[in-house]
Structure formats: C-alpha cells, structure tokens
N, C-alpha and C. Protein backbone atom coordinates (compact mmCIF):
# COMPACT_ATOMS: atom_id res chain seq x y z
N UNK A 1 30.31 20.22 -30.69
CA UNK A 1 31.26 20.81 -29.78
C UNK A 1 32.31 21.55 -30.58
N UNK A 2 32.52 22.82 -30.23
CA UNK A 2 33.51 23.60 -30.96
C UNK A 2 34.86 23.50 -30.25
N UNK A 3 35.90 23.74 -31.02
CA UNK A 3 37.26 23.67 -30.47
C UNK A 3 37.84 25.07 -30.48
N UNK A 4 38.17 25.57 -29.32
CA UNK A 4 38.77 26.89 -29.23
C UNK A 4 40.29 26.77 -29.33
N UNK A 5 40.95 27.91 -29.50
CA UNK A 5 42.41 27.91 -29.58
C UNK A 5 43.04 27.40 -28.28
N UNK A 6 42.35 27.60 -27.16
CA UNK A 6 42.89 27.15 -25.87
C UNK A 6 42.89 25.63 -25.76
N UNK A 7 41.93 24.95 -26.40
CA UNK A 7 41.86 23.50 -26.28
C UNK A 7 42.79 22.79 -27.25
N UNK A 8 43.20 23.48 -28.33
CA UNK A 8 44.07 22.83 -29.31
C UNK A 8 45.39 22.36 -28.72
N UNK A 9 46.10 23.20 -27.92
CA UNK A 9 47.35 22.68 -27.35
C UNK A 9 47.12 21.48 -26.44
N UNK A 10 45.99 21.45 -25.72
CA UNK A 10 45.71 20.31 -24.86
C UNK A 10 45.45 19.06 -25.69
N UNK A 11 44.74 19.21 -26.81
CA UNK A 11 44.49 18.08 -27.68
C UNK A 11 45.81 17.57 -28.25
N UNK A 12 46.65 18.51 -28.69
CA UNK A 12 47.94 18.11 -29.23
C UNK A 12 48.78 17.42 -28.17
N UNK A 13 48.76 17.93 -26.94
CA UNK A 13 49.49 17.30 -25.86
C UNK A 13 48.95 15.91 -25.58
N UNK A 14 47.64 15.75 -25.61
CA UNK A 14 47.02 14.44 -25.42
C UNK A 14 47.45 13.49 -26.52
N UNK A 15 47.43 13.96 -27.76
CA UNK A 15 47.87 13.11 -28.88
C UNK A 15 49.33 12.70 -28.71
N UNK A 16 50.16 13.62 -28.26
CA UNK A 16 51.57 13.30 -28.05
C UNK A 16 51.74 12.27 -26.94
N UNK A 17 50.94 12.41 -25.89
CA UNK A 17 51.00 11.44 -24.80
C UNK A 17 50.58 10.06 -25.28
N UNK A 18 49.53 10.02 -26.10
CA UNK A 18 49.07 8.74 -26.66
C UNK A 18 50.15 8.14 -27.56
N UNK A 19 50.76 8.98 -28.40
CA UNK A 19 51.82 8.49 -29.29
C UNK A 19 53.03 8.00 -28.49
N UNK A 20 53.38 8.73 -27.44
CA UNK A 20 54.52 8.31 -26.61
C UNK A 20 54.22 6.98 -25.93
N UNK A 21 52.99 6.82 -25.45
CA UNK A 21 52.61 5.56 -24.81
C UNK A 21 52.64 4.43 -25.82
N UNK A 22 52.12 4.69 -27.02
CA UNK A 22 52.12 3.67 -28.07
C UNK A 22 53.56 3.30 -28.45
N UNK A 23 54.44 4.30 -28.53
CA UNK A 23 55.84 4.04 -28.86
C UNK A 23 56.50 3.18 -27.78
N UNK A 24 56.20 3.49 -26.52
CA UNK A 24 56.76 2.70 -25.42
C UNK A 24 56.27 1.26 -25.49
N UNK A 25 54.97 1.10 -25.75
CA UNK A 25 54.43 -0.26 -25.87
C UNK A 25 55.07 -0.99 -27.04
N UNK A 26 55.29 -0.26 -28.14
CA UNK A 26 55.95 -0.86 -29.30
C UNK A 26 57.36 -1.30 -28.95
N UNK A 27 58.08 -0.45 -28.23
CA UNK A 27 59.43 -0.81 -27.81
C UNK A 27 59.43 -2.08 -26.96
N UNK A 28 58.46 -2.18 -26.08
CA UNK A 28 58.38 -3.35 -25.22
C UNK A 28 57.96 -4.60 -26.00
N UNK A 29 57.23 -4.40 -27.10
CA UNK A 29 56.72 -5.52 -27.86
C UNK A 29 57.70 -6.01 -28.93
N UNK A 30 58.71 -5.19 -29.25
CA UNK A 30 59.66 -5.57 -30.29
C UNK A 30 60.45 -6.79 -29.82
N UNK A 31 60.39 -7.86 -30.59
CA UNK A 31 61.14 -9.05 -30.20
C UNK A 31 62.63 -8.82 -30.45
N UNK A 32 63.39 -8.72 -29.39
CA UNK A 32 64.83 -8.49 -29.53
C UNK A 32 65.53 -9.83 -29.59
N UNK A 33 65.41 -10.47 -30.73
CA UNK A 33 65.98 -11.80 -30.94
C UNK A 33 67.49 -11.72 -30.99
N UNK A 34 68.11 -12.82 -30.66
CA UNK A 34 69.57 -12.91 -30.72
C UNK A 34 70.02 -12.64 -32.15
N UNK A 35 71.04 -11.82 -32.29
CA UNK A 35 71.58 -11.54 -33.61
C UNK A 35 70.87 -10.42 -34.35
N UNK A 36 69.84 -9.83 -33.77
CA UNK A 36 69.14 -8.72 -34.42
C UNK A 36 69.48 -7.43 -33.70
N UNK A 37 69.64 -6.37 -34.48
CA UNK A 37 69.98 -5.07 -33.93
C UNK A 37 68.90 -4.07 -34.31
N UNK A 38 68.71 -3.08 -33.43
CA UNK A 38 67.71 -2.05 -33.65
C UNK A 38 68.28 -0.69 -33.29
N UNK A 39 67.83 0.35 -33.99
CA UNK A 39 68.12 1.72 -33.60
C UNK A 39 66.85 2.25 -32.95
N UNK A 40 67.01 2.89 -31.80
CA UNK A 40 65.86 3.41 -31.05
C UNK A 40 65.88 4.93 -31.07
N UNK A 41 64.69 5.52 -31.21
CA UNK A 41 64.56 6.97 -31.16
C UNK A 41 64.96 7.43 -29.76
N UNK A 42 66.01 8.23 -29.67
CA UNK A 42 66.57 8.65 -28.38
C UNK A 42 65.99 10.00 -27.94
N UNK A 43 65.85 10.93 -28.89
CA UNK A 43 65.18 12.21 -28.61
C UNK A 43 64.10 12.43 -29.66
N UNK A 44 62.98 12.94 -29.22
CA UNK A 44 61.86 13.21 -30.13
C UNK A 44 62.23 14.28 -31.14
N UNK A 45 61.56 14.28 -32.29
CA UNK A 45 61.84 15.31 -33.29
C UNK A 45 61.55 16.70 -32.70
N UNK A 46 62.51 17.59 -32.81
CA UNK A 46 62.37 18.95 -32.30
C UNK A 46 62.54 19.94 -33.45
N UNK A 47 61.71 20.98 -33.48
CA UNK A 47 61.85 21.98 -34.55
C UNK A 47 63.17 22.73 -34.40
N UNK A 48 63.74 23.09 -35.54
CA UNK A 48 65.00 23.81 -35.53
C UNK A 48 65.02 24.75 -36.73
N UNK A 49 65.59 25.90 -36.55
CA UNK A 49 65.76 26.86 -37.64
C UNK A 49 67.21 26.73 -38.10
N UNK A 50 67.38 26.30 -39.33
CA UNK A 50 68.71 26.10 -39.88
C UNK A 50 69.12 24.64 -39.85
N UNK A 51 69.80 24.22 -40.90
CA UNK A 51 70.32 22.86 -40.99
C UNK A 51 71.84 22.98 -41.05
N UNK A 52 72.52 22.79 -39.90
CA UNK A 52 73.96 23.04 -39.85
C UNK A 52 74.78 22.22 -40.85
N UNK A 53 74.31 21.04 -41.24
CA UNK A 53 75.05 20.20 -42.18
C UNK A 53 75.16 20.87 -43.56
N UNK A 54 74.33 21.89 -43.80
CA UNK A 54 74.31 22.55 -45.11
C UNK A 54 74.91 23.94 -45.08
N UNK A 55 75.65 24.27 -44.03
CA UNK A 55 76.23 25.60 -43.92
C UNK A 55 75.19 26.59 -43.40
N UNK A 56 75.53 27.89 -43.38
CA UNK A 56 74.60 28.90 -42.84
C UNK A 56 73.30 28.95 -43.66
N UNK A 57 72.17 28.81 -42.97
CA UNK A 57 70.86 28.88 -43.62
C UNK A 57 69.79 29.08 -42.55
N UNK A 58 68.58 29.36 -42.97
CA UNK A 58 67.47 29.56 -42.04
C UNK A 58 66.33 28.59 -42.35
N UNK A 59 66.65 27.43 -42.90
CA UNK A 59 65.63 26.45 -43.27
C UNK A 59 64.96 25.87 -42.04
N UNK A 60 63.64 25.71 -42.14
CA UNK A 60 62.90 25.06 -41.06
C UNK A 60 63.11 23.56 -41.16
N UNK A 61 63.38 22.94 -40.03
CA UNK A 61 63.62 21.50 -40.02
C UNK A 61 63.24 20.92 -38.67
N UNK A 62 63.28 19.61 -38.61
CA UNK A 62 63.08 18.86 -37.36
C UNK A 62 64.25 17.89 -37.25
N UNK A 63 64.80 17.78 -36.06
CA UNK A 63 65.93 16.87 -35.85
C UNK A 63 65.60 15.93 -34.70
N UNK A 64 65.97 14.68 -34.87
CA UNK A 64 65.81 13.67 -33.83
C UNK A 64 67.11 12.90 -33.74
N UNK A 65 67.34 12.33 -32.57
CA UNK A 65 68.55 11.53 -32.36
C UNK A 65 68.16 10.07 -32.17
N UNK A 66 68.91 9.20 -32.83
CA UNK A 66 68.73 7.75 -32.67
C UNK A 66 69.91 7.20 -31.90
N UNK A 67 69.67 6.06 -31.25
CA UNK A 67 70.74 5.43 -30.48
C UNK A 67 70.77 3.94 -30.76
N UNK A 68 71.98 3.43 -30.95
CA UNK A 68 72.25 2.00 -31.09
C UNK A 68 73.38 1.72 -30.11
N UNK A 69 73.06 1.00 -29.04
CA UNK A 69 74.03 0.74 -27.97
C UNK A 69 74.62 2.07 -27.50
N UNK A 70 75.92 2.32 -27.66
CA UNK A 70 76.51 3.58 -27.21
C UNK A 70 76.72 4.58 -28.35
N UNK A 71 76.16 4.31 -29.52
CA UNK A 71 76.30 5.19 -30.68
C UNK A 71 75.03 6.04 -30.80
N UNK A 72 75.23 7.36 -30.96
CA UNK A 72 74.11 8.27 -31.19
C UNK A 72 74.36 9.02 -32.49
N UNK A 73 73.27 9.27 -33.23
CA UNK A 73 73.39 10.02 -34.48
C UNK A 73 72.08 10.74 -34.76
N UNK A 74 72.17 11.82 -35.53
CA UNK A 74 71.00 12.65 -35.83
C UNK A 74 70.42 12.35 -37.20
N UNK A 75 69.10 12.56 -37.27
CA UNK A 75 68.37 12.49 -38.53
C UNK A 75 67.57 13.79 -38.62
N UNK A 76 67.70 14.49 -39.74
CA UNK A 76 67.05 15.79 -39.92
C UNK A 76 66.04 15.71 -41.05
N UNK A 77 64.86 16.27 -40.81
CA UNK A 77 63.76 16.28 -41.79
C UNK A 77 63.45 17.72 -42.15
N UNK A 78 63.21 17.97 -43.42
CA UNK A 78 62.75 19.29 -43.86
C UNK A 78 61.87 19.14 -45.09
N UNK A 79 61.00 20.13 -45.27
CA UNK A 79 60.20 20.21 -46.49
C UNK A 79 60.68 21.38 -47.34
N UNK A 80 61.77 22.00 -46.91
CA UNK A 80 62.37 23.12 -47.65
C UNK A 80 63.09 22.58 -48.89
N UNK A 81 63.24 23.45 -49.87
CA UNK A 81 63.96 23.09 -51.09
C UNK A 81 65.47 23.15 -50.81
N UNK A 82 66.16 22.05 -51.05
CA UNK A 82 67.60 22.00 -50.84
C UNK A 82 68.25 21.70 -52.19
N UNK A 83 69.03 22.66 -52.71
CA UNK A 83 69.70 22.40 -53.99
C UNK A 83 70.81 21.37 -53.83
N UNK A 84 70.95 20.50 -54.80
CA UNK A 84 72.02 19.50 -54.79
C UNK A 84 73.27 20.16 -55.36
N UNK A 85 74.32 20.17 -54.57
CA UNK A 85 75.57 20.82 -54.99
C UNK A 85 76.42 19.88 -55.84
N UNK A 86 77.27 20.45 -56.67
CA UNK A 86 78.11 19.67 -57.57
C UNK A 86 79.03 18.70 -56.84
N UNK A 87 79.52 19.11 -55.66
CA UNK A 87 80.46 18.24 -54.94
C UNK A 87 79.79 17.07 -54.23
N UNK A 88 78.47 17.02 -54.23
CA UNK A 88 77.75 15.90 -53.63
C UNK A 88 77.67 14.78 -54.67
N UNK A 89 78.13 13.62 -54.30
CA UNK A 89 78.10 12.49 -55.22
C UNK A 89 76.83 11.68 -55.02
N UNK A 90 76.23 11.25 -56.13
CA UNK A 90 75.05 10.39 -56.05
C UNK A 90 75.47 9.00 -55.59
N UNK A 91 74.61 8.36 -54.81
CA UNK A 91 74.88 7.04 -54.29
C UNK A 91 73.53 6.34 -54.14
N UNK A 92 73.55 5.05 -53.95
CA UNK A 92 72.31 4.31 -53.77
C UNK A 92 72.40 3.42 -52.54
N UNK A 93 71.28 3.30 -51.85
CA UNK A 93 71.06 2.28 -50.83
C UNK A 93 69.86 1.50 -51.35
N UNK A 94 70.10 0.30 -51.85
CA UNK A 94 69.02 -0.42 -52.52
C UNK A 94 68.57 0.41 -53.71
N UNK A 95 67.26 0.72 -53.78
CA UNK A 95 66.71 1.53 -54.87
C UNK A 95 66.63 3.01 -54.52
N UNK A 96 67.01 3.37 -53.29
CA UNK A 96 66.93 4.76 -52.86
C UNK A 96 68.14 5.55 -53.34
N UNK A 97 67.87 6.63 -54.08
CA UNK A 97 68.96 7.49 -54.52
C UNK A 97 69.26 8.49 -53.41
N UNK A 98 70.54 8.59 -53.07
CA UNK A 98 71.01 9.49 -52.02
C UNK A 98 72.11 10.37 -52.58
N UNK A 99 72.41 11.43 -51.83
CA UNK A 99 73.56 12.27 -52.15
C UNK A 99 74.48 12.28 -50.94
N UNK A 100 75.76 12.03 -51.18
CA UNK A 100 76.75 12.03 -50.11
C UNK A 100 77.24 13.46 -49.94
N UNK A 101 77.02 14.00 -48.75
CA UNK A 101 77.47 15.35 -48.42
C UNK A 101 78.84 15.21 -47.75
N UNK A 102 79.87 15.84 -48.31
CA UNK A 102 81.21 15.69 -47.72
C UNK A 102 81.24 16.12 -46.25
N UNK A 103 81.86 15.29 -45.42
CA UNK A 103 82.02 15.56 -43.99
C UNK A 103 83.25 14.81 -43.50
N UNK A 104 84.01 15.45 -42.63
CA UNK A 104 85.22 14.80 -42.10
C UNK A 104 84.91 13.89 -40.92
N UNK A 105 83.81 14.14 -40.23
CA UNK A 105 83.55 13.37 -39.01
C UNK A 105 82.38 12.40 -39.11
N UNK A 106 81.53 12.50 -40.11
CA UNK A 106 80.34 11.68 -40.21
C UNK A 106 80.13 11.19 -41.63
N UNK A 107 79.30 10.15 -41.74
CA UNK A 107 78.82 9.72 -43.05
C UNK A 107 77.48 10.44 -43.22
N UNK A 108 77.47 11.44 -44.06
CA UNK A 108 76.32 12.33 -44.20
C UNK A 108 75.67 12.11 -45.56
N UNK A 109 74.39 11.68 -45.52
CA UNK A 109 73.67 11.41 -46.77
C UNK A 109 72.33 12.12 -46.79
N UNK A 110 71.98 12.63 -47.95
CA UNK A 110 70.72 13.34 -48.14
C UNK A 110 69.81 12.49 -49.01
N UNK A 111 68.56 12.33 -48.57
CA UNK A 111 67.56 11.60 -49.33
C UNK A 111 66.44 12.56 -49.68
N UNK A 112 66.07 12.62 -50.95
CA UNK A 112 64.97 13.47 -51.41
C UNK A 112 63.83 12.55 -51.87
N UNK A 113 62.71 12.61 -51.15
CA UNK A 113 61.58 11.74 -51.46
C UNK A 113 60.70 12.37 -52.54
N UNK A 114 60.02 11.53 -53.30
CA UNK A 114 59.12 12.02 -54.35
C UNK A 114 57.94 12.79 -53.78
N UNK A 115 57.66 12.63 -52.47
CA UNK A 115 56.56 13.37 -51.82
C UNK A 115 56.98 14.80 -51.49
N UNK A 116 58.26 15.13 -51.69
CA UNK A 116 58.73 16.50 -51.52
C UNK A 116 59.54 16.77 -50.27
N UNK A 117 59.67 15.81 -49.39
CA UNK A 117 60.46 16.05 -48.19
C UNK A 117 61.91 15.59 -48.39
N UNK A 118 62.77 16.06 -47.50
CA UNK A 118 64.19 15.71 -47.53
C UNK A 118 64.58 15.23 -46.14
N UNK A 119 65.40 14.18 -46.10
CA UNK A 119 65.95 13.68 -44.85
C UNK A 119 67.47 13.64 -44.99
N UNK A 120 68.14 14.18 -43.97
CA UNK A 120 69.60 14.13 -43.93
C UNK A 120 69.99 13.18 -42.80
N UNK A 121 70.75 12.17 -43.15
CA UNK A 121 71.22 11.17 -42.19
C UNK A 121 72.67 11.51 -41.83
N UNK A 122 72.92 11.74 -40.56
CA UNK A 122 74.25 12.08 -40.06
C UNK A 122 74.79 10.86 -39.31
N UNK A 123 75.21 9.86 -40.05
CA UNK A 123 75.54 8.54 -39.49
C UNK A 123 77.01 8.43 -39.09
N UNK A 124 77.31 7.46 -38.22
CA UNK A 124 78.71 7.21 -37.88
C UNK A 124 79.51 6.84 -39.14
N UNK A 125 80.74 7.27 -39.18
CA UNK A 125 81.63 6.99 -40.31
C UNK A 125 81.81 5.49 -40.52
N UNK A 126 81.64 5.03 -41.76
CA UNK A 126 81.82 3.62 -42.15
C UNK A 126 81.03 2.65 -41.27
N UNK A 127 79.81 3.04 -40.94
CA UNK A 127 78.94 2.22 -40.10
C UNK A 127 78.35 1.09 -40.94
N UNK A 128 78.44 -0.13 -40.48
CA UNK A 128 78.00 -1.29 -41.26
C UNK A 128 76.49 -1.31 -41.53
N UNK A 129 75.71 -0.57 -40.74
CA UNK A 129 74.26 -0.59 -40.89
C UNK A 129 73.70 0.63 -41.62
N UNK A 130 74.54 1.45 -42.20
CA UNK A 130 74.08 2.70 -42.81
C UNK A 130 72.93 2.50 -43.79
N UNK A 131 73.14 1.67 -44.80
CA UNK A 131 72.10 1.48 -45.82
C UNK A 131 70.85 0.81 -45.26
N UNK A 132 71.03 -0.17 -44.42
CA UNK A 132 69.86 -0.85 -43.85
C UNK A 132 69.04 0.12 -43.01
N UNK A 133 69.72 0.95 -42.22
CA UNK A 133 69.00 1.96 -41.43
C UNK A 133 68.23 2.90 -42.34
N UNK A 134 68.89 3.43 -43.36
CA UNK A 134 68.25 4.40 -44.26
C UNK A 134 67.04 3.79 -44.96
N UNK A 135 67.19 2.60 -45.52
CA UNK A 135 66.09 1.94 -46.24
C UNK A 135 64.91 1.70 -45.31
N UNK A 136 65.17 1.12 -44.12
CA UNK A 136 64.07 0.83 -43.19
C UNK A 136 63.47 2.10 -42.61
N UNK A 137 64.29 3.12 -42.35
CA UNK A 137 63.78 4.39 -41.86
C UNK A 137 62.80 5.00 -42.87
N UNK A 138 63.22 5.09 -44.13
CA UNK A 138 62.38 5.71 -45.17
C UNK A 138 61.08 4.92 -45.35
N UNK A 139 61.17 3.60 -45.35
CA UNK A 139 59.97 2.77 -45.50
C UNK A 139 59.00 3.02 -44.34
N UNK A 140 59.51 2.96 -43.13
CA UNK A 140 58.64 3.16 -41.96
C UNK A 140 58.13 4.60 -41.87
N UNK A 141 58.99 5.57 -42.18
CA UNK A 141 58.60 6.98 -42.15
C UNK A 141 57.45 7.23 -43.12
N UNK A 142 57.56 6.71 -44.34
CA UNK A 142 56.49 6.89 -45.33
C UNK A 142 55.19 6.22 -44.89
N UNK A 143 55.29 5.07 -44.24
CA UNK A 143 54.10 4.40 -43.72
C UNK A 143 53.40 5.30 -42.69
N UNK A 144 54.16 5.80 -41.71
CA UNK A 144 53.57 6.63 -40.66
C UNK A 144 53.12 7.99 -41.18
N UNK A 145 53.76 8.48 -42.23
CA UNK A 145 53.39 9.77 -42.82
C UNK A 145 51.95 9.74 -43.32
N UNK A 146 51.48 8.58 -43.75
CA UNK A 146 50.10 8.45 -44.23
C UNK A 146 49.07 8.71 -43.14
N UNK A 147 49.46 8.62 -41.88
CA UNK A 147 48.53 8.81 -40.76
C UNK A 147 48.67 10.17 -40.09
N UNK A 148 49.54 10.99 -40.60
CA UNK A 148 49.78 12.32 -40.00
C UNK A 148 48.56 13.20 -40.21
N UNK A 149 48.08 13.81 -39.12
CA UNK A 149 46.92 14.70 -39.20
C UNK A 149 47.34 16.16 -39.12
N UNK A 150 48.44 16.43 -38.44
CA UNK A 150 48.94 17.78 -38.26
C UNK A 150 50.33 17.85 -38.89
N UNK A 151 50.56 18.87 -39.69
CA UNK A 151 51.83 18.97 -40.42
C UNK A 151 53.05 18.96 -39.50
N UNK A 152 52.90 19.47 -38.29
CA UNK A 152 54.04 19.54 -37.38
C UNK A 152 54.32 18.21 -36.68
N UNK A 153 53.46 17.22 -36.86
CA UNK A 153 53.72 15.89 -36.31
C UNK A 153 54.60 15.12 -37.30
N UNK A 154 55.87 15.07 -37.00
CA UNK A 154 56.83 14.42 -37.90
C UNK A 154 57.01 12.98 -37.42
N UNK A 155 56.62 12.01 -38.25
CA UNK A 155 56.54 10.62 -37.80
C UNK A 155 57.85 9.82 -37.84
N UNK A 156 58.83 10.28 -37.08
CA UNK A 156 60.08 9.51 -36.99
C UNK A 156 59.76 8.16 -36.35
N UNK A 157 60.16 7.06 -36.96
CA UNK A 157 59.89 5.74 -36.36
C UNK A 157 60.60 5.59 -35.01
N UNK A 158 59.92 4.98 -34.05
CA UNK A 158 60.49 4.78 -32.72
C UNK A 158 61.57 3.71 -32.73
N UNK A 159 61.43 2.73 -33.61
CA UNK A 159 62.38 1.62 -33.70
C UNK A 159 62.68 1.36 -35.18
N UNK A 160 63.95 1.23 -35.52
CA UNK A 160 64.34 0.91 -36.89
C UNK A 160 65.23 -0.32 -36.84
N UNK A 161 64.80 -1.35 -37.57
CA UNK A 161 65.56 -2.61 -37.60
C UNK A 161 66.82 -2.43 -38.44
N UNK A 162 67.92 -3.01 -37.97
CA UNK A 162 69.21 -2.82 -38.64
C UNK A 162 69.74 -4.07 -39.34
N UNK A 163 69.32 -5.25 -38.92
CA UNK A 163 69.96 -6.45 -39.42
C UNK A 163 69.46 -6.92 -40.78
N UNK A 164 68.30 -6.44 -41.21
CA UNK A 164 67.81 -6.79 -42.54
C UNK A 164 66.79 -5.75 -42.99
N UNK A 165 66.62 -5.67 -44.30
CA UNK A 165 65.63 -4.76 -44.85
C UNK A 165 64.26 -5.37 -44.61
N UNK A 166 63.35 -4.57 -44.03
CA UNK A 166 62.02 -5.07 -43.71
C UNK A 166 61.07 -4.87 -44.88
N UNK A 167 60.10 -5.78 -44.97
CA UNK A 167 58.99 -5.71 -45.92
C UNK A 167 59.36 -5.23 -47.24
C-alpha cells in the first residue's frame, strides 16, 4: 500500500489522537499521592518563529505551557544554534549544566543537550521546584525522544514529577 501526500496529514492526525489519548490515560493513571506535586502539560507544543527570550530572531522553535496548580510557565525547544552570551552565568541542576539568562520577571534557564537540541525554561521566579522540574523534564524528554518518528513531533512529557528526581 502506497502513501500519498493526502493521507500523510490524516496519519499524523491519527498519531496525534493516539498520543493525546495515551497522555490522558497517563494523567489518569498517575498516582497523585499526598505530598507529591506534578507539573502537567497545559498546551501542546506549537511551532513558533523566533524565541522572544533571546531578543529579535527568526529561530524555529516549539513552545509548550506547563501548569502547576495556578502557576503557568513556558518551555521552549529548538534545534537551532544559540550562542552563549557573556552575561549568561553557568549554573547546575544536579549534573545538568545550564545557563541563566537574565530576566526581571522570570527564572530563565537554557539547557544545551549533547544531542544538539536546546531547551529554554521560563520558570516562576525563585520557584522551589525549578531544578527538580528541569532534571525530570530532561530525563523524560530524552526517553520519549528515542521513540520520535517524525522530526516535528516534539516529545514534551505530559506529566513531570516535582517532589523528587525520578530514576
């Protein structure tokens, strides 16, 4: 059976529906034990031209929003080359090397993975779960990245545990 250009969007839509259903089932299956906190994917990754956190540019990226109770924050993914500026200070979350991007309203950190992608975390200022979120996000993202079949399917985790570093 051959696949025409007309059937590809339907296949992609079907895959997205399957992934959305799986994510919903995962959300329902996550044991929300007392004392444990989770960040949930609030908006799906959407393509965007330009990364506003880096000033005027035309870089291709994907942005998704996470939610923890009444707090919302963005996570941006790109495979574009982003130069590290002198005013960005190196920092660590566990073994992950990050760069702190100066911001007056957010805790903004850039992570550059050895696989070549970059993630910018636009977190609430002085948020107690910043490092735990980043570590668990990167771990889960890399796990799901291994199953990506189409480059435009960006595997943002549907649920990220906040109370402890997983696995």
